[in-house]
Amino acid sequence: MRKLKLEELGRVDVETYQQQSKIPVVVLCDNIRSMHNVGSIFRTADAFSIEKIHLCGITARPPHKEIRKTALGSTESVVWDYHENASEILKDLISQDYTPIAIEQVDKSVSLESFAVENEKKYVVILGNEVEGVQQDLIDMCNIALEIPQSGTKHSLNVSVCSGIVMWKFYQAFLDRI
């Protein structure tokens, strides 16, 4: 076994990436405090060909050196926009037939491993604040909340780690579209 060199990975350039197909998933980041988390979410969205990121509320926006540290250029490849009010953009996405999914621990959450992605649907994955989680008004607009099963002493994962696990689930389901 030999570690591959960068030129052997077959990665596309930003222009090619922007033209290639994406999976029908957008990520809504609501009130994410840490710029490092924002950068990590961008980098993961690039890796898994996510359609778009919506940054909302207090979530930091590129360009910023703290976001760049973890994004490693993915703020240039992933389509994104900013909305002050997450509820408004979520209503708009629902009107465009996106299925909203809160990533949150709620009384009727579905465990991620038992959730079946439906290939004919478009999804919006909602990630919340590192301390407060997804706002209740956004949860109220969702018919589904996904929870990542855990068996340790902590009750949650870092939002960027959580986003990676969830994006991977959708990427696996839609891989044939890329």
Protein backbone atom coordinates (compact mmCIF):
# COMPACT_ATOMS: atom_id res chain seq x y z
CA MET A 1 0.00 0.00 0.00
CA ARG A 2 1.30 3.45 -0.97
CA LYS A 3 -0.05 6.86 -0.08
CA LEU A 4 -1.24 8.68 -3.19
CA LYS A 5 0.21 12.01 -4.27
CA LEU A 6 -2.17 14.93 -4.84
CA GLU A 7 -1.81 14.71 -8.60
CA GLU A 8 -2.85 11.04 -8.48
CA LEU A 9 -6.21 11.78 -6.79
CA GLY A 10 -7.90 12.91 -9.99
CA ARG A 11 -9.58 15.92 -8.40
CA VAL A 12 -11.35 18.38 -10.63
CA ASP A 13 -10.68 22.12 -10.67
CA VAL A 14 -13.19 24.62 -9.25
CA GLU A 15 -14.69 25.47 -12.65
CA THR A 16 -15.25 21.81 -13.52
CA TYR A 17 -16.68 21.14 -10.05
CA GLN A 18 -19.16 23.98 -10.41
CA GLN A 19 -20.39 22.51 -13.72
CA GLN A 20 -20.76 18.91 -12.56
CA SER A 21 -23.98 17.43 -11.17
CA LYS A 22 -24.78 17.85 -7.50
CA ILE A 23 -26.93 15.79 -5.20
CA PRO A 24 -30.36 17.33 -4.46
CA VAL A 25 -29.47 18.41 -0.95
CA VAL A 26 -28.99 21.89 0.46
CA VAL A 27 -27.66 22.63 3.92
CA LEU A 28 -29.17 25.37 6.05
CA CYS A 29 -26.76 26.57 8.75
CA ASP A 30 -28.66 28.55 11.36
CA ASN A 31 -26.72 30.55 13.93
CA ILE A 32 -23.48 28.54 13.78
CA ARG A 33 -21.09 30.39 16.10
CA SER A 34 -17.73 28.91 15.16
CA MET A 35 -16.12 30.00 11.91
CA HIS A 36 -14.07 26.80 11.98
CA ASN A 37 -17.32 24.81 11.98
CA VAL A 38 -18.60 26.88 9.05
CA GLY A 39 -15.39 26.21 7.12
CA SER A 40 -15.60 22.49 7.86
CA ILE A 41 -19.20 22.37 6.67
CA PHE A 42 -18.14 24.03 3.40
CA ARG A 43 -15.31 21.56 2.92
CA THR A 44 -17.59 18.59 3.54
CA ALA A 45 -20.26 20.04 1.23
CA ASP A 46 -17.63 20.25 -1.51
CA ALA A 47 -16.51 16.66 -0.91
CA PHE A 48 -20.06 15.30 -1.14
CA SER A 49 -21.30 17.51 -4.01
CA ILE A 50 -23.96 19.32 -2.00
CA GLU A 51 -26.12 21.64 -4.12
CA LYS A 52 -25.93 24.75 -1.92
CA ILE A 53 -25.35 26.10 1.58
CA HIS A 54 -27.65 28.71 3.13
CA LEU A 55 -25.97 30.64 5.94
CA CYS A 56 -28.47 32.23 8.34
CA GLY A 57 -28.60 34.41 11.43
CA ILE A 58 -25.28 34.93 13.21
CA THR A 59 -23.51 32.35 11.02
CA ALA A 60 -20.30 33.89 9.70
CA ARG A 61 -19.91 34.39 5.97
CA PRO A 62 -16.91 34.13 3.68
CA PRO A 63 -14.49 35.62 3.08
CA HIS A 64 -12.92 35.33 6.51
CA LYS A 65 -9.52 33.94 7.48
CA GLU A 66 -10.99 31.73 10.23
CA ILE A 67 -13.41 30.13 7.76
CA ARG A 68 -10.59 29.73 5.20
CA LYS A 69 -8.50 27.74 7.72
CA THR A 70 -10.85 24.79 7.54
CA ALA A 71 -12.65 25.40 4.24
CA LEU A 72 -9.40 25.18 2.24
CA GLY A 73 -10.88 26.94 -0.79
CA SER A 74 -14.29 25.25 -0.77
CA THR A 75 -16.02 28.60 -0.25
CA GLU A 76 -15.08 29.19 -3.88
CA SER A 77 -16.51 25.91 -5.17
CA VAL A 78 -19.71 25.48 -3.14
CA VAL A 79 -22.63 27.75 -3.99
CA TRP A 80 -23.83 29.65 -0.93
CA ASP A 81 -25.87 32.63 0.15
CA TYR A 82 -26.85 34.45 3.32
CA HIS A 83 -30.26 35.07 4.85
CA GLU A 84 -30.83 36.91 8.09
CA ASN A 85 -34.00 34.92 8.77
CA ALA A 86 -33.77 31.13 8.53
CA SER A 87 -37.55 30.67 8.67
CA GLU A 88 -38.06 32.73 5.52
CA ILE A 89 -35.56 30.79 3.42
CA LEU A 90 -36.87 27.50 4.78
CA LYS A 91 -40.42 28.46 3.73
CA ASP A 92 -39.07 29.32 0.28
CA LEU A 93 -37.25 25.97 -0.01
CA ILE A 94 -40.38 24.09 1.07
CA SER A 95 -42.32 25.93 -1.65
CA GLN A 96 -39.72 24.59 -4.11
CA ASP A 97 -40.53 21.03 -2.96
CA TYR A 98 -37.53 20.51 -0.71
CA THR A 99 -38.22 18.18 2.20
CA PRO A 100 -36.95 19.87 5.39
CA ILE A 101 -35.07 17.70 7.86
CA ALA A 102 -33.89 19.00 11.22
CA ILE A 103 -30.78 17.35 12.58
CA GLU A 104 -31.80 17.42 16.20
CA GLN A 105 -32.71 15.35 19.23
CA VAL A 106 -36.49 15.61 19.51
CA ASP A 107 -39.20 13.41 20.97
CA LYS A 108 -40.05 11.88 17.58
CA SER A 109 -36.63 11.82 15.94
CA VAL A 110 -35.67 9.08 13.49
CA SER A 111 -32.34 7.37 14.00
CA LEU A 112 -30.09 8.14 11.02
CA GLU A 113 -29.32 4.53 10.18
CA SER A 114 -33.02 3.69 9.81
CA PHE A 115 -33.84 6.70 7.61
CA ALA A 116 -34.41 5.80 3.96
CA VAL A 117 -33.45 8.56 1.53
CA GLU A 118 -36.01 8.75 -1.27
CA ASN A 119 -34.22 9.32 -4.57
CA GLU A 120 -37.06 11.31 -6.14
CA LYS A 121 -37.01 13.95 -3.39
CA LYS A 122 -34.94 17.07 -2.76
CA TYR A 123 -33.84 17.73 0.81
CA VAL A 124 -32.83 20.62 3.02
CA VAL A 125 -30.74 19.55 6.01
CA ILE A 126 -31.01 22.01 8.91
CA LEU A 127 -28.07 22.41 11.28
CA GLY A 128 -28.39 24.54 14.39
CA ASN A 129 -26.35 26.46 16.90
CA GLU A 130 -23.59 24.61 18.76
CA VAL A 131 -25.28 25.18 22.15
CA GLU A 132 -28.99 25.71 21.44
CA GLY A 133 -29.38 23.41 18.44
CA VAL A 134 -32.04 23.90 15.78
CA GLN A 135 -34.62 26.55 16.66
CA GLN A 136 -38.08 25.25 17.52
CA ASP A 137 -39.75 27.37 14.81
CA LEU A 138 -37.63 25.55 12.21
CA ILE A 139 -38.36 22.17 13.78
CA ASP A 140 -42.07 23.05 13.55
CA MET A 141 -41.71 23.29 9.76
CA CYS A 142 -40.23 19.78 9.52
CA ASN A 143 -41.96 16.43 9.35
CA ILE A 144 -38.67 14.65 9.98
CA ALA A 145 -35.89 15.11 12.52
CA LEU A 146 -32.86 12.88 12.25
CA GLU A 147 -30.73 11.91 15.22
CA ILE A 148 -27.31 10.30 15.04
CA PRO A 149 -27.18 7.38 17.48
CA GLN A 150 -24.56 7.75 20.20
CA SER A 151 -23.56 5.64 23.16
CA GLY A 152 -20.98 7.77 24.95
CA THR A 153 -21.33 10.14 27.88
CA LYS A 154 -21.88 13.29 25.79
CA HIS A 155 -25.31 14.07 24.42
CA SER A 156 -24.24 15.61 21.14
CA LEU A 157 -21.61 15.81 18.43
CA ASN A 158 -19.83 18.88 17.12
CA VAL A 159 -22.00 20.44 14.39
CA SER A 160 -19.32 20.01 11.72
CA VAL A 161 -18.86 16.34 12.60
CA CYS A 162 -22.63 15.88 12.61
CA SER A 163 -22.92 17.57 9.22
CA GLY A 164 -20.31 15.23 7.75
CA ILE A 165 -22.10 12.12 8.95
CA VAL A 166 -25.44 13.33 7.61
CA MET A 167 -24.06 14.56 4.28
CA TRP A 168 -22.34 11.19 3.81
CA LYS A 169 -25.71 9.42 4.30
CA PHE A 170 -27.28 11.49 1.51
CA TYR A 171 -24.20 11.26 -0.72
CA GLN A 172 -24.31 7.45 -0.54
CA ALA A 173 -27.97 7.47 -1.55
CA PHE A 174 -27.47 9.85 -4.50
CA LEU A 175 -24.01 8.78 -5.65
CA ASP A 176 -25.37 7.45 -8.93
CA ARG A 177 -26.41 11.02 -9.91
CA ILE A 178 -22.86 12.34 -9.97
